[in-house]
Amino acid sequence: KDYGFKDIVYSGPLYKSMKIEGNKVRASFEYADSGLMAKGDSIKGF
């Protein structure tokens, strides 16, 4: 933001919006253009 390193991704995913799809919810995020990943075999904490 302050020193011109434009190619740096500086934030982790921030919640943006949700959409209900049947019995599921789809959550969308900012700062996730390159995709998301989980540390481990499955996503935890939801």
All heavy atoms as atom14 arrays in JSON, in Angstrom:
{
  "sequence": "KDYGFKDIVYSGPLYKSMKIEGNKVRASFEYADSGLMAKGDSIKGF",
  "atom14_mask": [
    [1, 1, 1, 1, 1, 1, 1, 1, 1, 0, 0, 0, 0, 0],
    [1, 1, 1, 1, 1, 1, 1, 1, 0, 0, 0, 0, 0, 0],
    [1, 1, 1, 1, 1, 1, 1, 1, 1, 1, 1, 1, 0, 0],
    [1, 1, 1, 1, 0, 0, 0, 0, 0, 0, 0, 0, 0, 0],
    [1, 1, 1, 1, 1, 1, 1, 1, 1, 1, 1, 0, 0, 0],
    [1, 1, 1, 1, 1, 1, 1, 1, 1, 0, 0, 0, 0, 0],
    [1, 1, 1, 1, 1, 1, 1, 1, 0, 0, 0, 0, 0, 0],
    [1, 1, 1, 1, 1, 1, 1, 1, 0, 0, 0, 0, 0, 0],
    [1, 1, 1, 1, 1, 1, 1, 0, 0, 0, 0, 0, 0, 0],
    [1, 1, 1, 1, 1, 1, 1, 1, 1, 1, 1, 1, 0, 0],
    [1, 1, 1, 1, 1, 1, 0, 0, 0, 0, 0, 0, 0, 0],
    [1, 1, 1, 1, 0, 0, 0, 0, 0, 0, 0, 0, 0, 0],
    [1, 1, 1, 1, 1, 1, 1, 0, 0, 0, 0, 0, 0, 0],
    [1, 1, 1, 1, 1, 1, 1, 1, 0, 0, 0, 0, 0, 0],
    [1, 1, 1, 1, 1, 1, 1, 1, 1, 1, 1, 1, 0, 0],
    [1, 1, 1, 1, 1, 1, 1, 1, 1, 0, 0, 0, 0, 0],
    [1, 1, 1, 1, 1, 1, 0, 0, 0, 0, 0, 0, 0, 0],
    [1, 1, 1, 1, 1, 1, 1, 1, 0, 0, 0, 0, 0, 0],
    [1, 1, 1, 1, 1, 1, 1, 1, 1, 0, 0, 0, 0, 0],
    [1, 1, 1, 1, 1, 1, 1, 1, 0, 0, 0, 0, 0, 0],
    [1, 1, 1, 1, 1, 1, 1, 1, 1, 0, 0, 0, 0, 0],
    [1, 1, 1, 1, 0, 0, 0, 0, 0, 0, 0, 0, 0, 0],
    [1, 1, 1, 1, 1, 1, 1, 1, 0, 0, 0, 0, 0, 0],
    [1, 1, 1, 1, 1, 1, 1, 1, 1, 0, 0, 0, 0, 0],
    [1, 1, 1, 1, 1, 1, 1, 0, 0, 0, 0, 0, 0, 0],
    [1, 1, 1, 1, 1, 1, 1, 1, 1, 1, 1, 0, 0, 0],
    [1, 1, 1, 1, 1, 0, 0, 0, 0, 0, 0, 0, 0, 0],
    [1, 1, 1, 1, 1, 1, 0, 0, 0, 0, 0, 0, 0, 0],
    [1, 1, 1, 1, 1, 1, 1, 1, 1, 1, 1, 0, 0, 0],
    [1, 1, 1, 1, 1, 1, 1, 1, 1, 0, 0, 0, 0, 0],
    [1, 1, 1, 1, 1, 1, 1, 1, 1, 1, 1, 1, 0, 0],
    [1, 1, 1, 1, 1, 0, 0, 0, 0, 0, 0, 0, 0, 0],
    [1, 1, 1, 1, 1, 1, 1, 1, 0, 0, 0, 0, 0, 0],
    [1, 1, 1, 1, 1, 1, 0, 0, 0, 0, 0, 0, 0, 0],
    [1, 1, 1, 1, 0, 0, 0, 0, 0, 0, 0, 0, 0, 0],
    [1, 1, 1, 1, 1, 1, 1, 1, 0, 0, 0, 0, 0, 0],
    [1, 1, 1, 1, 1, 1, 1, 1, 0, 0, 0, 0, 0, 0],
    [1, 1, 1, 1, 1, 0, 0, 0, 0, 0, 0, 0, 0, 0],
    [1, 1, 1, 1, 1, 1, 1, 1, 1, 0, 0, 0, 0, 0],
    [1, 1, 1, 1, 0, 0, 0, 0, 0, 0, 0, 0, 0, 0],
    [1, 1, 1, 1, 1, 1, 1, 1, 0, 0, 0, 0, 0, 0],
    [1, 1, 1, 1, 1, 1, 0, 0, 0, 0, 0, 0, 0, 0],
    [1, 1, 1, 1, 1, 1, 1, 1, 0, 0, 0, 0, 0, 0],
    [1, 1, 1, 1, 1, 1, 1, 1, 1, 0, 0, 0, 0, 0],
    [1, 1, 1, 1, 0, 0, 0, 0, 0, 0, 0, 0, 0, 0],
    [1, 1, 1, 1, 1, 1, 1, 1, 1, 1, 1, 0, 0, 0]
  ],
  "atom14_positions": [
    [[0.79, -1.23, 0.0], [0.0, 0.0, 0.0], [0.83, 1.28, 0.0], [0.4, 2.31, -0.52], [-0.93, 0.0, 1.22], [-2.03, -1.04, 1.18], [-3.04, -0.71, 0.09], [-4.26, -1.61, 0.17], [-5.26, -1.28, -0.86], [0.0, 0.0, 0.0], [0.0, 0.0, 0.0], [0.0, 0.0, 0.0], [0.0, 0.0, 0.0], [0.0, 0.0, 0.0]],
    [[2.03, 1.23, 0.6], [2.78, 2.47, 0.81], [4.11, 2.52, 0.07], [4.69, 3.6, -0.06], [3.04, 2.65, 2.31], [1.76, 2.57, 3.13], [0.83, 3.34, 2.84], [1.69, 1.73, 4.04], [0.0, 0.0, 0.0], [0.0, 0.0, 0.0], [0.0, 0.0, 0.0], [0.0, 0.0, 0.0], [0.0, 0.0, 0.0], [0.0, 0.0, 0.0]],
    [[4.59, 1.38, -0.39], [5.93, 1.36, -0.98], [5.97, 0.77, -2.39], [7.04, 0.44, -2.89], [6.89, 0.6, -0.06], [7.06, 1.29, 1.29], [6.65, 0.67, 2.47], [7.61, 2.57, 1.38], [6.8, 1.29, 3.69], [7.76, 3.2, 2.6], [7.36, 2.56, 3.76], [7.49, 3.19, 4.98], [0.0, 0.0, 0.0], [0.0, 0.0, 0.0]],
    [[4.8, 0.67, -3.03], [4.77, 0.38, -4.45], [4.98, -1.07, -4.87], [5.18, -1.32, -6.07], [0.0, 0.0, 0.0], [0.0, 0.0, 0.0], [0.0, 0.0, 0.0], [0.0, 0.0, 0.0], [0.0, 0.0, 0.0], [0.0, 0.0, 0.0], [0.0, 0.0, 0.0], [0.0, 0.0, 0.0], [0.0, 0.0, 0.0], [0.0, 0.0, 0.0]],
    [[4.92, -2.02, -3.96], [5.07, -3.43, -4.34], [3.69, -3.96, -4.77], [3.01, -4.66, -4.02], [5.64, -4.24, -3.18], [7.09, -3.98, -2.9], [7.49, -2.83, -2.24], [8.07, -4.87, -3.32], [8.83, -2.57, -1.98], [9.41, -4.64, -3.05], [9.8, -3.48, -2.4], [0.0, 0.0, 0.0], [0.0, 0.0, 0.0], [0.0, 0.0, 0.0]],
    [[3.31, -3.65, -5.99], [1.95, -3.9, -6.46], [1.65, -5.39, -6.63], [0.48, -5.79, -6.65], [1.73, -3.18, -7.79], [1.91, -1.67, -7.74], [0.92, -1.01, -6.78], [1.06, 0.51, -6.79], [0.17, 1.16, -5.79], [0.0, 0.0, 0.0], [0.0, 0.0, 0.0], [0.0, 0.0, 0.0], [0.0, 0.0, 0.0], [0.0, 0.0, 0.0]],
    [[2.67, -6.21, -6.78], [2.44, -7.63, -7.03], [2.24, -8.43, -5.74], [2.01, -9.64, -5.78], [3.6, -8.22, -7.82], [4.94, -8.05, -7.11], [5.04, -7.13, -6.27], [5.88, -8.81, -7.39], [0.0, 0.0, 0.0], [0.0, 0.0, 0.0], [0.0, 0.0, 0.0], [0.0, 0.0, 0.0], [0.0, 0.0, 0.0], [0.0, 0.0, 0.0]],
    [[2.3, -7.78, -4.58], [2.17, -8.47, -3.3], [0.7, -8.62, -2.92], [-0.07, -7.66, -2.97], [2.91, -7.7, -2.19], [4.43, -7.85, -2.36], [2.5, -8.2, -0.8], [5.23, -7.1, -1.31], [0.0, 0.0, 0.0], [0.0, 0.0, 0.0], [0.0, 0.0, 0.0], [0.0, 0.0, 0.0], [0.0, 0.0, 0.0], [0.0, 0.0, 0.0]],
    [[0.3, -9.84, -2.57], [-1.01, -10.06, -1.96], [-0.83, -9.84, -0.46], [-0.02, -10.5, 0.18], [-1.53, -11.48, -2.24], [-2.84, -11.73, -1.5], [-1.72, -11.69, -3.74], [0.0, 0.0, 0.0], [0.0, 0.0, 0.0], [0.0, 0.0, 0.0], [0.0, 0.0, 0.0], [0.0, 0.0, 0.0], [0.0, 0.0, 0.0], [0.0, 0.0, 0.0]],
    [[-1.57, -8.91, 0.1], [-1.29, -8.44, 1.45], [-2.33, -8.85, 2.48], [-2.14, -8.61, 3.68], [-1.16, -6.91, 1.46], [-2.27, -6.2, 0.71], [-3.45, -5.85, 1.34], [-2.14, -5.9, -0.64], [-4.48, -5.22, 0.66], [-3.15, -5.27, -1.34], [-4.31, -4.93, -0.69], [-5.32, -4.31, -1.39], [0.0, 0.0, 0.0], [0.0, 0.0, 0.0]],
    [[-3.42, -9.48, 2.06], [-4.46, -9.87, 3.0], [-4.9, -11.3, 2.74], [-4.91, -11.77, 1.59], [-5.68, -8.94, 2.86], [-6.76, -9.39, 3.68], [0.0, 0.0, 0.0], [0.0, 0.0, 0.0], [0.0, 0.0, 0.0], [0.0, 0.0, 0.0], [0.0, 0.0, 0.0], [0.0, 0.0, 0.0], [0.0, 0.0, 0.0], [0.0, 0.0, 0.0]],
    [[-5.28, -11.98, 3.81], [-5.93, -13.26, 3.67], [-7.37, -13.06, 3.25], [-7.87, -11.92, 3.2], [0.0, 0.0, 0.0], [0.0, 0.0, 0.0], [0.0, 0.0, 0.0], [0.0, 0.0, 0.0], [0.0, 0.0, 0.0], [0.0, 0.0, 0.0], [0.0, 0.0, 0.0], [0.0, 0.0, 0.0], [0.0, 0.0, 0.0], [0.0, 0.0, 0.0]],
    [[-8.11, -14.13, 2.94], [-9.5, -14.03, 2.5], [-10.39, -13.31, 3.52], [-10.34, -13.6, 4.71], [-9.92, -15.48, 2.33], [-8.64, -16.23, 2.08], [-7.62, -15.53, 2.92], [0.0, 0.0, 0.0], [0.0, 0.0, 0.0], [0.0, 0.0, 0.0], [0.0, 0.0, 0.0], [0.0, 0.0, 0.0], [0.0, 0.0, 0.0], [0.0, 0.0, 0.0]],
    [[-11.19, -12.38, 3.02], [-12.19, -11.69, 3.83], [-13.57, -12.01, 3.27], [-13.79, -11.91, 2.05], [-11.95, -10.18, 3.81], [-10.66, -9.65, 4.44], [-10.56, -8.14, 4.26], [-10.61, -10.0, 5.92], [0.0, 0.0, 0.0], [0.0, 0.0, 0.0], [0.0, 0.0, 0.0], [0.0, 0.0, 0.0], [0.0, 0.0, 0.0], [0.0, 0.0, 0.0]],
    [[-14.48, -12.36, 4.13], [-15.83, -12.73, 3.7], [-16.48, -11.58, 2.93], [-16.42, -10.42, 3.35], [-16.69, -13.1, 4.91], [-18.16, -13.22, 4.58], [-18.63, -14.31, 3.85], [-19.06, -12.24, 4.99], [-19.99, -14.41, 3.54], [-20.42, -12.34, 4.68], [-20.87, -13.42, 3.95], [-22.21, -13.52, 3.63], [0.0, 0.0, 0.0], [0.0, 0.0, 0.0]],
    [[-17.12, -11.93, 1.81], [-17.77, -10.92, 0.96], [-19.28, -11.11, 0.89], [-20.04, -10.17, 1.1], [-17.17, -10.96, -0.44], [-17.75, -9.93, -1.41], [-16.94, -9.84, -2.7], [-16.91, -11.13, -3.47], [-16.2, -11.0, -4.78], [0.0, 0.0, 0.0], [0.0, 0.0, 0.0], [0.0, 0.0, 0.0], [0.0, 0.0, 0.0], [0.0, 0.0, 0.0]],
    [[-19.73, -12.34, 0.6], [-21.17, -12.56, 0.43], [-21.48, -14.05, 0.54], [-20.58, -14.9, 0.5], [-21.64, -12.04, -0.93], [-20.99, -12.73, -1.98], [0.0, 0.0, 0.0], [0.0, 0.0, 0.0], [0.0, 0.0, 0.0], [0.0, 0.0, 0.0], [0.0, 0.0, 0.0], [0.0, 0.0, 0.0], [0.0, 0.0, 0.0], [0.0, 0.0, 0.0]],
    [[-22.77, -14.36, 0.68], [-23.22, -15.75, 0.73], [-24.4, -15.95, -0.21], [-25.14, -15.01, -0.52], [-23.61, -16.16, 2.14], [-24.82, -15.43, 2.7], [-25.51, -16.18, 4.2], [-26.54, -17.46, 3.49], [0.0, 0.0, 0.0], [0.0, 0.0, 0.0], [0.0, 0.0, 0.0], [0.0, 0.0, 0.0], [0.0, 0.0, 0.0], [0.0, 0.0, 0.0]],
    [[-24.56, -17.2, -0.64], [-25.68, -17.56, -1.49], [-26.16, -18.94, -1.08], [-25.37, -19.88, -0.97], [-25.26, -17.57, -2.97], [-26.37, -17.91, -3.94], [-25.85, -17.91, -5.37], [-26.95, -18.27, -6.36], [-26.44, -18.33, -7.75], [0.0, 0.0, 0.0], [0.0, 0.0, 0.0], [0.0, 0.0, 0.0], [0.0, 0.0, 0.0], [0.0, 0.0, 0.0]],
    [[-27.46, -19.07, -0.81], [-28.03, -20.36, -0.42], [-28.33, -21.18, -1.68], [-29.02, -20.71, -2.59], [-29.3, -20.18, 0.42], [-28.96, -19.43, 1.72], [-29.94, -21.52, 0.74], [-30.16, -19.09, 2.58], [0.0, 0.0, 0.0], [0.0, 0.0, 0.0], [0.0, 0.0, 0.0], [0.0, 0.0, 0.0], [0.0, 0.0, 0.0], [0.0, 0.0, 0.0]],
    [[-27.79, -22.38, -1.72], [-28.0, -23.29, -2.85], [-28.53, -24.62, -2.3], [-27.76, -25.51, -1.93], [-26.7, -23.5, -3.61], [-26.11, -22.2, -4.19], [-24.79, -22.43, -4.91], [-24.31, -23.58, -4.95], [-24.23, -21.43, -5.42], [0.0, 0.0, 0.0], [0.0, 0.0, 0.0], [0.0, 0.0, 0.0], [0.0, 0.0, 0.0], [0.0, 0.0, 0.0]],
    [[-29.85, -24.71, -2.2], [-30.46, -25.91, -1.64], [-30.16, -26.03, -0.16], [-30.49, -25.14, 0.63], [0.0, 0.0, 0.0], [0.0, 0.0, 0.0], [0.0, 0.0, 0.0], [0.0, 0.0, 0.0], [0.0, 0.0, 0.0], [0.0, 0.0, 0.0], [0.0, 0.0, 0.0], [0.0, 0.0, 0.0], [0.0, 0.0, 0.0], [0.0, 0.0, 0.0]],
    [[-29.51, -27.14, 0.23], [-29.17, -27.32, 1.64], [-27.74, -26.86, 1.94], [-27.2, -27.17, 3.0], [-29.34, -28.79, 2.04], [-28.32, -29.69, 1.36], [-27.8, -29.35, 0.29], [-28.04, -30.84, 1.96], [0.0, 0.0, 0.0], [0.0, 0.0, 0.0], [0.0, 0.0, 0.0], [0.0, 0.0, 0.0], [0.0, 0.0, 0.0], [0.0, 0.0, 0.0]],
    [[-27.15, -26.14, 0.99], [-25.76, -25.66, 1.16], [-25.72, -24.14, 1.1], [-26.63, -23.49, 0.55], [-24.85, -26.25, 0.08], [-24.66, -27.76, 0.14], [-23.71, -28.23, -0.94], [-23.4, -29.72, -0.81], [-24.58, -30.56, -1.04], [0.0, 0.0, 0.0], [0.0, 0.0, 0.0], [0.0, 0.0, 0.0], [0.0, 0.0, 0.0], [0.0, 0.0, 0.0]],
    [[-24.66, -23.59, 1.63], [-24.38, -22.16, 1.54], [-23.04, -21.98, 0.84], [-22.06, -22.63, 1.2], [-24.34, -21.5, 2.94], [-23.85, -20.06, 2.84], [-25.72, -21.55, 3.59], [0.0, 0.0, 0.0], [0.0, 0.0, 0.0], [0.0, 0.0, 0.0], [0.0, 0.0, 0.0], [0.0, 0.0, 0.0], [0.0, 0.0, 0.0], [0.0, 0.0, 0.0]],
    [[-23.02, -21.1, -0.15], [-21.77, -20.78, -0.85], [-21.26, -19.42, -0.35], [-21.94, -18.41, -0.48], [-21.98, -20.73, -2.36], [-20.67, -20.49, -3.14], [-20.93, -20.41, -4.64], [-21.47, -21.66, -5.17], [-20.71, -22.68, -5.56], [-19.38, -22.6, -5.46], [-21.27, -23.78, -6.03], [0.0, 0.0, 0.0], [0.0, 0.0, 0.0], [0.0, 0.0, 0.0]],
    [[-20.08, -19.43, 0.25], [-19.47, -18.21, 0.77], [-18.41, -17.72, -0.2], [-17.56, -18.5, -0.66], [-18.85, -18.46, 2.14], [0.0, 0.0, 0.0], [0.0, 0.0, 0.0], [0.0, 0.0, 0.0], [0.0, 0.0, 0.0], [0.0, 0.0, 0.0], [0.0, 0.0, 0.0], [0.0, 0.0, 0.0], [0.0, 0.0, 0.0], [0.0, 0.0, 0.0]],
    [[-18.47, -16.43, -0.52], [-17.48, -15.82, -1.43], [-16.58, -14.88, -0.65], [-16.98, -14.32, 0.4], [-18.2, -15.05, -2.55], [-19.0, -15.93, -3.31], [0.0, 0.0, 0.0], [0.0, 0.0, 0.0], [0.0, 0.0, 0.0], [0.0, 0.0, 0.0], [0.0, 0.0, 0.0], [0.0, 0.0, 0.0], [0.0, 0.0, 0.0], [0.0, 0.0, 0.0]],
    [[-15.38, -14.65, -1.19], [-14.36, -13.92, -0.45], [-13.63, -12.9, -1.32], [-13.49, -13.09, -2.53], [-13.32, -14.9, 0.12], [-13.88, -15.92, 1.05], [-14.42, -17.11, 0.57], [-13.9, -15.7, 2.41], [-14.94, -18.06, 1.42], [-14.43, -16.64, 3.28], [-14.96, -17.83, 2.78], [0.0, 0.0, 0.0], [0.0, 0.0, 0.0], [0.0, 0.0, 0.0]],
    [[-13.18, -11.85, -0.67], [-12.19, -10.96, -1.27], [-10.8, -11.53, -1.0], [-10.64, -12.36, -0.1], [-12.3, -9.56, -0.68], [-13.64, -8.86, -0.96], [-13.69, -7.48, -0.35], [-13.92, -7.4, 0.88], [-13.48, -6.51, -1.08], [0.0, 0.0, 0.0], [0.0, 0.0, 0.0], [0.0, 0.0, 0.0], [0.0, 0.0, 0.0], [0.0, 0.0, 0.0]],
    [[-9.82, -11.07, -1.75], [-8.42, -11.51, -1.59], [-8.29, -13.03, -1.75], [-7.56, -13.69, -1.02], [-7.86, -11.07, -0.23], [-7.97, -9.58, 0.0], [-8.9, -9.07, 0.89], [-7.15, -8.7, -0.7], [-9.03, -7.7, 1.09], [-7.26, -7.32, -0.52], [-8.21, -6.83, 0.38], [-8.32, -5.48, 0.57], [0.0, 0.0, 0.0], [0.0, 0.0, 0.0]],
    [[-9.04, -13.55, -2.72], [-8.97, -14.99, -3.01], [-8.93, -15.22, -4.52], [-9.34, -16.28, -4.99], [-10.15, -15.71, -2.39], [0.0, 0.0, 0.0], [0.0, 0.0, 0.0], [0.0, 0.0, 0.0], [0.0, 0.0, 0.0], [0.0, 0.0, 0.0], [0.0, 0.0, 0.0], [0.0, 0.0, 0.0], [0.0, 0.0, 0.0], [0.0, 0.0, 0.0]],
    [[-8.43, -14.24, -5.26], [-8.44, -14.34, -6.73], [-7.65, -15.53, -7.24], [-7.99, -16.13, -8.26], [-7.89, -13.06, -7.35], [-8.81, -11.87, -7.13], [-9.98, -12.1, -6.77], [-8.37, -10.73, -7.31], [0.0, 0.0, 0.0], [0.0, 0.0, 0.0], [0.0, 0.0, 0.0], [0.0, 0.0, 0.0], [0.0, 0.0, 0.0], [0.0, 0.0, 0.0]],
    [[-6.58, -15.87, -6.52], [-5.74, -16.99, -6.97], [-6.28, -18.33, -6.47], [-5.71, -19.38, -6.77], [-4.3, -16.79, -6.48], [-4.25, -16.75, -5.07], [0.0, 0.0, 0.0], [0.0, 0.0, 0.0], [0.0, 0.0, 0.0], [0.0, 0.0, 0.0], [0.0, 0.0, 0.0], [0.0, 0.0, 0.0], [0.0, 0.0, 0.0], [0.0, 0.0, 0.0]],
    [[-7.37, -18.3, -5.72], [-7.96, -19.52, -5.2], [-7.74, -19.69, -3.71], [-6.98, -18.94, -3.08], [0.0, 0.0, 0.0], [0.0, 0.0, 0.0], [0.0, 0.0, 0.0], [0.0, 0.0, 0.0], [0.0, 0.0, 0.0], [0.0, 0.0, 0.0], [0.0, 0.0, 0.0], [0.0, 0.0, 0.0], [0.0, 0.0, 0.0], [0.0, 0.0, 0.0]],
    [[-8.43, -20.68, -3.15], [-8.36, -20.96, -1.73], [-7.69, -22.3, -1.49], [-7.62, -23.15, -2.39], [-9.77, -20.99, -1.12], [-10.56, -19.68, -1.2], [-12.02, -19.92, -0.83], [-9.96, -18.62, -0.3], [0.0, 0.0, 0.0], [0.0, 0.0, 0.0], [0.0, 0.0, 0.0], [0.0, 0.0, 0.0], [0.0, 0.0, 0.0], [0.0, 0.0, 0.0]],
    [[-7.21, -22.51, -0.28], [-6.6, -23.77, 0.08], [-6.81, -24.03, 1.58], [-7.1, -23.1, 2.34], [-5.09, -23.76, -0.23], [-4.31, -22.7, 0.51], [-2.54, -22.76, 0.2], [-2.09, -24.19, 1.18], [0.0, 0.0, 0.0], [0.0, 0.0, 0.0], [0.0, 0.0, 0.0], [0.0, 0.0, 0.0], [0.0, 0.0, 0.0], [0.0, 0.0, 0.0]],
    [[-6.7, -25.28, 1.95], [-6.81, -25.66, 3.36], [-5.48, -26.23, 3.82], [-4.8, -26.91, 3.07], [-7.91, -26.68, 3.56], [0.0, 0.0, 0.0], [0.0, 0.0, 0.0], [0.0, 0.0, 0.0], [0.0, 0.0, 0.0], [0.0, 0.0, 0.0], [0.0, 0.0, 0.0], [0.0, 0.0, 0.0], [0.0, 0.0, 0.0], [0.0, 0.0, 0.0]],
    [[-5.13, -25.92, 5.05], [-3.94, -26.5, 5.65], [-4.36, -27.8, 6.33], [-4.94, -27.8, 7.41], [-3.33, -25.53, 6.66], [-2.02, -26.0, 7.25], [-1.48, -24.96, 8.23], [-0.18, -25.41, 8.86], [0.34, -24.42, 9.83], [0.0, 0.0, 0.0], [0.0, 0.0, 0.0], [0.0, 0.0, 0.0], [0.0, 0.0, 0.0], [0.0, 0.0, 0.0]],
    [[-4.11, -28.93, 5.65], [-4.57, -30.21, 6.15], [-5.48, -30.9, 5.16], [-5.66, -30.43, 4.03], [0.0, 0.0, 0.0], [0.0, 0.0, 0.0], [0.0, 0.0, 0.0], [0.0, 0.0, 0.0], [0.0, 0.0, 0.0], [0.0, 0.0, 0.0], [0.0, 0.0, 0.0], [0.0, 0.0, 0.0], [0.0, 0.0, 0.0], [0.0, 0.0, 0.0]],
    [[-6.09, -32.0, 5.58], [-6.89, -32.81, 4.68], [-8.28, -32.23, 4.42], [-8.86, -32.45, 3.36], [-7.04, -34.23, 5.25], [-5.7, -34.95, 5.35], [-4.81, -34.64, 4.54], [-5.55, -35.79, 6.26], [0.0, 0.0, 0.0], [0.0, 0.0, 0.0], [0.0, 0.0, 0.0], [0.0, 0.0, 0.0], [0.0, 0.0, 0.0], [0.0, 0.0, 0.0]],
    [[-8.83, -31.52, 5.39], [-10.18, -30.98, 5.24], [-10.28, -29.62, 5.91], [-9.48, -29.27, 6.78], [-11.21, -31.94, 5.85], [-10.94, -32.12, 7.23], [0.0, 0.0, 0.0], [0.0, 0.0, 0.0], [0.0, 0.0, 0.0], [0.0, 0.0, 0.0], [0.0, 0.0, 0.0], [0.0, 0.0, 0.0], [0.0, 0.0, 0.0], [0.0, 0.0, 0.0]],
    [[-11.29, -28.85, 5.5], [-11.48, -27.52, 6.08], [-12.15, -27.66, 7.45], [-13.13, -28.37, 7.61], [-12.36, -26.64, 5.18], [-11.76, -26.55, 3.78], [-12.49, -25.24, 5.77], [-12.6, -25.74, 2.83], [0.0, 0.0, 0.0], [0.0, 0.0, 0.0], [0.0, 0.0, 0.0], [0.0, 0.0, 0.0], [0.0, 0.0, 0.0], [0.0, 0.0, 0.0]],
    [[-11.62, -26.93, 8.42], [-12.16, -26.95, 9.77], [-12.64, -25.55, 10.15], [-12.23, -24.56, 9.56], [-11.08, -27.4, 10.76], [-10.5, -28.78, 10.46], [-9.36, -29.1, 11.41], [-8.74, -30.45, 11.1], [-7.6, -30.76, 12.0], [0.0, 0.0, 0.0], [0.0, 0.0, 0.0], [0.0, 0.0, 0.0], [0.0, 0.0, 0.0], [0.0, 0.0, 0.0]],
    [[-13.5, -25.5, 11.17], [-13.87, -24.22, 11.75], [-15.17, -23.63, 11.28], [-15.54, -22.54, 11.71], [0.0, 0.0, 0.0], [0.0, 0.0, 0.0], [0.0, 0.0, 0.0], [0.0, 0.0, 0.0], [0.0, 0.0, 0.0], [0.0, 0.0, 0.0], [0.0, 0.0, 0.0], [0.0, 0.0, 0.0], [0.0, 0.0, 0.0], [0.0, 0.0, 0.0]],
    [[-15.93, -24.33, 10.41], [-17.21, -23.81, 9.92], [-18.37, -24.35, 10.76], [-18.36, -25.49, 11.23], [-17.43, -24.2, 8.46], [-16.77, -23.26, 7.48], [-15.49, -23.51, 7.01], [-17.43, -22.12, 7.06], [-14.88, -22.65, 6.11], [-16.83, -21.25, 6.16], [-15.56, -21.51, 5.68], [0.0, 0.0, 0.0], [0.0, 0.0, 0.0], [0.0, 0.0, 0.0]]
  ]
}
